[in-house]
Amino acid sequence: MGYLNNAVVTVDAILTKKGRELLARGDGSFNITQFALSDDEIDYTLYNPSHPSGSAFYGEAIENMPLLEAFPDENQIMKYKLATLPRGTSKLPILQAGYASIVLKQGASLAITPQTLNYLGATSTFETGGYTAQIADTRVLSNFTGVGINTEEAERLNNTTTVGTNVSKTVIGTSINLTGTTVNTLFGIRTQLQTTITLVGRDSGARITIPVTIQKVNN
């Protein structure tokens, strides 16, 4: 979804594959209950409190920036979602996953339990809504699931499968389970595969991206 035309507020909405599937059923399955806003296109460094024309023009450059047309690729759009933080918040929340990078051997497993720092007055806390985790290339893992959140959305994402193509996958949980692939053909002549995992706090909006390496051990 995107807002187009700065002179008139216009909403340009498109449906994902899942949305089109639900709409096609015609049985009321298509029912929007939640939405998110983001500011991916905005460069806040353009805010100019020294503008010679006065305070009404401080944000002129930002307001005149071109906006992205809506497209359903979570790798490229809606990456920086807007979040409401408690009044008086002096520090932005950040995520801590316990790993600056992740290295897994083929078939090895790892559980990531993210924590949010500087949130709701706590030095460190686990978010009630849990965390979304997105692996950029789902082929490198034989298992990628979230546990601890038992909503319909979380269960649907955990049960989503692919046909072995280079696509991302997103799961929801308070803990994220990873298992390196055992498929040798993915490596070709390489000894390791590389991708990234992005964690986002569902309540705080805090975000972190961690590089992931899968090492080949089978001949």
Protein backbone atom coordinates (compact mmCIF):
# COMPACT_ATOMS: atom_id res chain seq x y z
CA MET A 1 0.00 0.00 0.00
CA GLY A 2 1.27 3.51 -0.74
CA TYR A 3 0.14 7.12 -0.54
CA LEU A 4 0.43 8.83 -3.93
CA ASN A 5 0.14 12.49 -4.96
CA ASN A 6 1.24 14.94 -2.26
CA ALA A 7 -1.55 17.38 -3.12
CA VAL A 8 -4.36 14.90 -2.46
CA VAL A 9 -4.21 11.96 -0.06
CA THR A 10 -4.61 8.87 -2.24
CA VAL A 11 -4.30 5.26 -1.15
CA ASP A 12 -2.93 2.84 -3.71
CA ALA A 13 -3.58 -0.67 -2.41
CA ILE A 14 -2.63 -3.99 -3.98
CA LEU A 15 -3.17 -7.52 -2.73
CA THR A 16 -0.59 -10.18 -2.06
CA LYS A 17 -1.07 -13.71 -3.39
CA LYS A 18 -2.67 -14.71 -0.10
CA GLY A 19 -4.98 -11.70 -0.22
CA ARG A 20 -6.12 -12.53 -3.75
CA GLU A 21 -6.73 -16.11 -2.70
CA LEU A 22 -8.94 -15.05 0.21
CA LEU A 23 -10.82 -12.49 -1.90
CA ALA A 24 -11.48 -15.10 -4.61
CA ARG A 25 -13.23 -17.37 -2.10
CA GLY A 26 -16.09 -14.89 -1.83
CA ASP A 27 -17.04 -16.24 1.61
CA GLY A 28 -15.92 -13.31 3.78
CA SER A 29 -12.45 -14.78 4.38
CA PHE A 30 -10.92 -11.55 3.11
CA ASN A 31 -11.21 -9.32 6.15
CA ILE A 32 -8.56 -6.70 6.96
CA THR A 33 -8.15 -6.55 10.75
CA GLN A 34 -4.69 -4.96 11.03
CA PHE A 35 -2.44 -2.66 9.07
CA ALA A 36 0.98 -1.08 9.37
CA LEU A 37 2.52 2.20 8.22
CA SER A 38 6.11 2.77 7.20
CA ASP A 39 8.36 5.59 6.04
CA ASP A 40 10.80 3.73 3.79
CA GLU A 41 11.10 6.60 1.29
CA ILE A 42 11.74 9.40 3.78
CA ASP A 43 15.19 10.95 4.28
CA TYR A 44 14.87 12.86 7.55
CA THR A 45 18.27 14.49 7.10
CA LEU A 46 16.53 16.79 4.60
CA TYR A 47 14.61 18.48 7.46
CA ASN A 48 16.05 22.01 7.46
CA PRO A 49 15.43 24.19 10.54
CA SER A 50 17.61 26.87 8.89
CA HIS A 51 15.30 27.35 5.90
CA PRO A 52 15.27 31.07 5.04
CA SER A 53 11.49 31.08 4.51
CA GLY A 54 10.67 30.10 8.09
CA SER A 55 9.32 27.15 10.07
CA ALA A 56 6.53 26.35 7.61
CA PHE A 57 9.23 25.29 5.13
CA TYR A 58 11.51 23.25 7.39
CA GLY A 59 10.11 19.99 6.00
CA GLU A 60 9.48 21.18 2.43
CA ALA A 61 12.12 18.92 0.88
CA ILE A 62 10.73 15.88 2.71
CA GLU A 63 7.14 16.64 1.73
CA ASN A 64 8.13 16.89 -1.94
CA MET A 65 9.99 13.58 -2.07
CA PRO A 66 8.66 11.01 -4.56
CA LEU A 67 6.95 8.01 -2.96
CA LEU A 68 7.22 4.37 -3.92
CA GLU A 69 4.42 2.70 -5.82
CA ALA A 70 2.93 -0.20 -3.88
CA PHE A 71 4.35 -3.67 -4.60
CA PRO A 72 4.15 -6.89 -2.53
CA ASP A 73 7.84 -7.57 -1.82
CA GLU A 74 8.64 -7.47 1.89
CA ASN A 75 12.35 -7.38 1.09
CA GLN A 76 12.01 -3.99 -0.57
CA ILE A 77 9.01 -2.23 0.99
CA MET A 78 7.56 -1.74 4.49
CA LYS A 79 11.03 -2.33 5.95
CA TYR A 80 10.85 0.58 8.38
CA LYS A 81 7.45 0.45 10.05
CA LEU A 82 6.15 3.26 12.21
CA ALA A 83 5.60 2.43 15.87
CA THR A 84 4.03 4.27 18.79
CA LEU A 85 6.30 4.46 21.85
CA PRO A 86 5.32 5.60 25.35
CA ARG A 87 5.43 9.35 25.99
CA GLY A 88 8.74 10.38 27.49
CA THR A 89 10.77 7.68 25.73
CA SER A 90 14.32 9.02 25.61
CA LYS A 91 16.02 6.07 23.90
CA LEU A 92 14.90 4.13 20.88
CA PRO A 93 14.48 0.39 21.57
CA ILE A 94 17.01 -1.91 19.97
CA LEU A 95 17.07 -5.67 19.52
CA GLN A 96 19.67 -8.03 20.87
CA ALA A 97 19.79 -11.55 19.47
CA GLY A 98 22.96 -12.72 21.16
CA TYR A 99 24.77 -13.12 17.83
CA ALA A 100 26.61 -10.63 15.64
CA SER A 101 26.63 -13.33 12.97
CA ILE A 102 25.40 -16.92 12.74
CA VAL A 103 27.47 -19.82 11.42
CA LEU A 104 25.81 -23.23 11.13
CA LYS A 105 27.14 -26.50 9.76
CA GLN A 106 24.87 -28.59 7.55
CA GLY A 107 22.09 -30.11 9.63
CA ALA A 108 23.05 -28.17 12.78
CA SER A 109 20.31 -26.38 14.71
CA LEU A 110 20.12 -23.14 16.67
CA ALA A 111 17.43 -21.33 18.64
CA ILE A 112 17.45 -17.53 18.73
CA THR A 113 15.61 -15.80 21.57
CA PRO A 114 15.65 -12.03 20.89
CA GLN A 115 15.37 -9.42 23.61
CA THR A 116 14.44 -5.76 23.33
CA LEU A 117 16.57 -3.17 25.09
CA ASN A 118 15.39 0.28 26.22
CA TYR A 119 11.69 -0.55 25.90
CA LEU A 120 8.79 0.27 28.26
CA GLY A 121 11.21 1.53 30.88
CA ALA A 122 13.06 -1.79 31.10
CA THR A 123 16.73 -2.31 30.41
CA SER A 124 15.90 -5.63 28.74
CA THR A 125 12.56 -7.28 28.05
CA PHE A 126 10.79 -9.85 25.86
CA GLU A 127 8.00 -8.33 23.78
CA THR A 128 4.49 -9.63 24.40
CA GLY A 129 3.69 -9.68 20.69
CA GLY A 130 6.87 -11.58 19.93
CA TYR A 131 9.16 -11.04 16.96
CA THR A 132 8.98 -11.53 13.22
CA ALA A 133 11.98 -13.22 11.65
CA GLN A 134 12.66 -13.18 7.92
CA ILE A 135 15.29 -15.34 6.24
CA ALA A 136 16.29 -13.84 2.89
CA ASP A 137 16.86 -17.23 1.21
CA THR A 138 14.80 -20.03 2.71
CA ARG A 139 16.68 -22.69 0.72
CA VAL A 140 19.68 -22.56 3.07
CA LEU A 141 17.59 -23.88 5.99
CA SER A 142 15.78 -27.18 6.32
CA ASN A 143 13.83 -25.82 9.28
CA PHE A 144 12.83 -22.24 10.01
CA THR A 145 10.03 -21.84 12.55
CA GLY A 146 8.90 -19.52 15.29
CA VAL A 147 7.57 -20.77 18.64
CA GLY A 148 5.83 -19.07 21.55
CA ILE A 149 3.15 -17.14 19.62
CA ASN A 150 0.04 -19.20 18.86
CA THR A 151 -2.03 -16.83 16.74
CA GLU A 152 -3.61 -17.86 13.43
CA GLU A 153 -1.14 -15.66 11.54
CA ALA A 154 1.87 -17.19 13.30
CA GLU A 155 0.66 -20.71 12.60
CA ARG A 156 0.01 -19.90 8.93
CA LEU A 157 3.49 -18.46 8.45
CA ASN A 158 5.15 -21.39 10.23
CA ASN A 159 3.36 -23.83 7.93
CA THR A 160 4.23 -21.97 4.73
CA THR A 161 6.40 -24.03 2.36
CA THR A 162 8.22 -23.23 -0.88
CA VAL A 163 9.16 -25.29 -3.91
CA GLY A 164 12.89 -24.87 -3.46
CA THR A 165 13.17 -21.46 -5.11
CA ASN A 166 15.29 -18.57 -3.88
CA VAL A 167 12.64 -16.73 -1.88
CA SER A 168 12.36 -15.30 1.60
CA LYS A 169 10.27 -16.71 4.42
CA THR A 170 8.86 -14.94 7.48
CA VAL A 171 7.85 -16.52 10.79
CA ILE A 172 6.60 -15.18 14.12
CA GLY A 173 7.57 -16.26 17.62
CA THR A 174 9.28 -15.40 20.87
CA SER A 175 12.00 -17.85 19.85
CA ILE A 176 13.18 -18.68 16.34
CA ASN A 177 14.49 -22.15 15.38
CA LEU A 178 17.00 -22.60 12.56
CA THR A 179 18.45 -25.77 11.03
CA GLY A 180 21.04 -25.69 8.25
CA THR A 181 20.17 -27.42 4.97
CA THR A 182 21.55 -30.88 4.21
CA VAL A 183 21.09 -30.51 0.44
CA ASN A 184 24.56 -30.67 -1.11
CA THR A 185 23.50 -29.54 -4.58
CA LEU A 186 22.79 -26.03 -3.30
CA PHE A 187 26.49 -25.50 -2.64
CA GLY A 188 27.76 -26.36 -6.12
CA ILE A 189 31.52 -25.86 -5.92
CA ARG A 190 31.21 -23.62 -2.86
CA THR A 191 31.91 -24.68 0.71
CA GLN A 192 29.38 -22.32 2.28
CA LEU A 193 26.10 -20.53 1.64
CA GLN A 194 25.33 -17.03 2.87
CA THR A 195 22.15 -15.10 3.53
CA THR A 196 20.69 -12.82 6.20
CA ILE A 197 18.02 -13.03 8.88
CA THR A 198 16.11 -9.91 9.89
CA LEU A 199 14.40 -9.72 13.29
CA VAL A 200 11.73 -7.12 14.08
CA GLY A 201 9.99 -6.49 17.41
CA ARG A 202 6.25 -6.63 16.75
CA ASP A 203 5.48 -4.15 19.54
CA SER A 204 8.52 -1.86 19.49
CA GLY A 205 9.38 -1.84 15.78
CA ALA A 206 13.05 -2.36 16.66
CA ARG A 207 14.97 -4.14 13.94
CA ILE A 208 18.24 -6.00 13.46
CA THR A 209 19.77 -7.87 10.50
CA ILE A 210 22.25 -10.70 11.10
CA PRO A 211 24.40 -12.44 8.46
CA VAL A 212 23.93 -16.23 8.29
CA THR A 213 26.49 -18.71 6.93
CA ILE A 214 25.85 -22.41 6.33
CA GLN A 215 29.02 -24.49 6.06
CA LYS A 216 29.19 -27.62 3.92
CA VAL A 217 30.33 -30.74 5.76
CA ASN A 218 28.96 -33.55 3.54
CA ASN A 219 30.83 -34.69 0.42
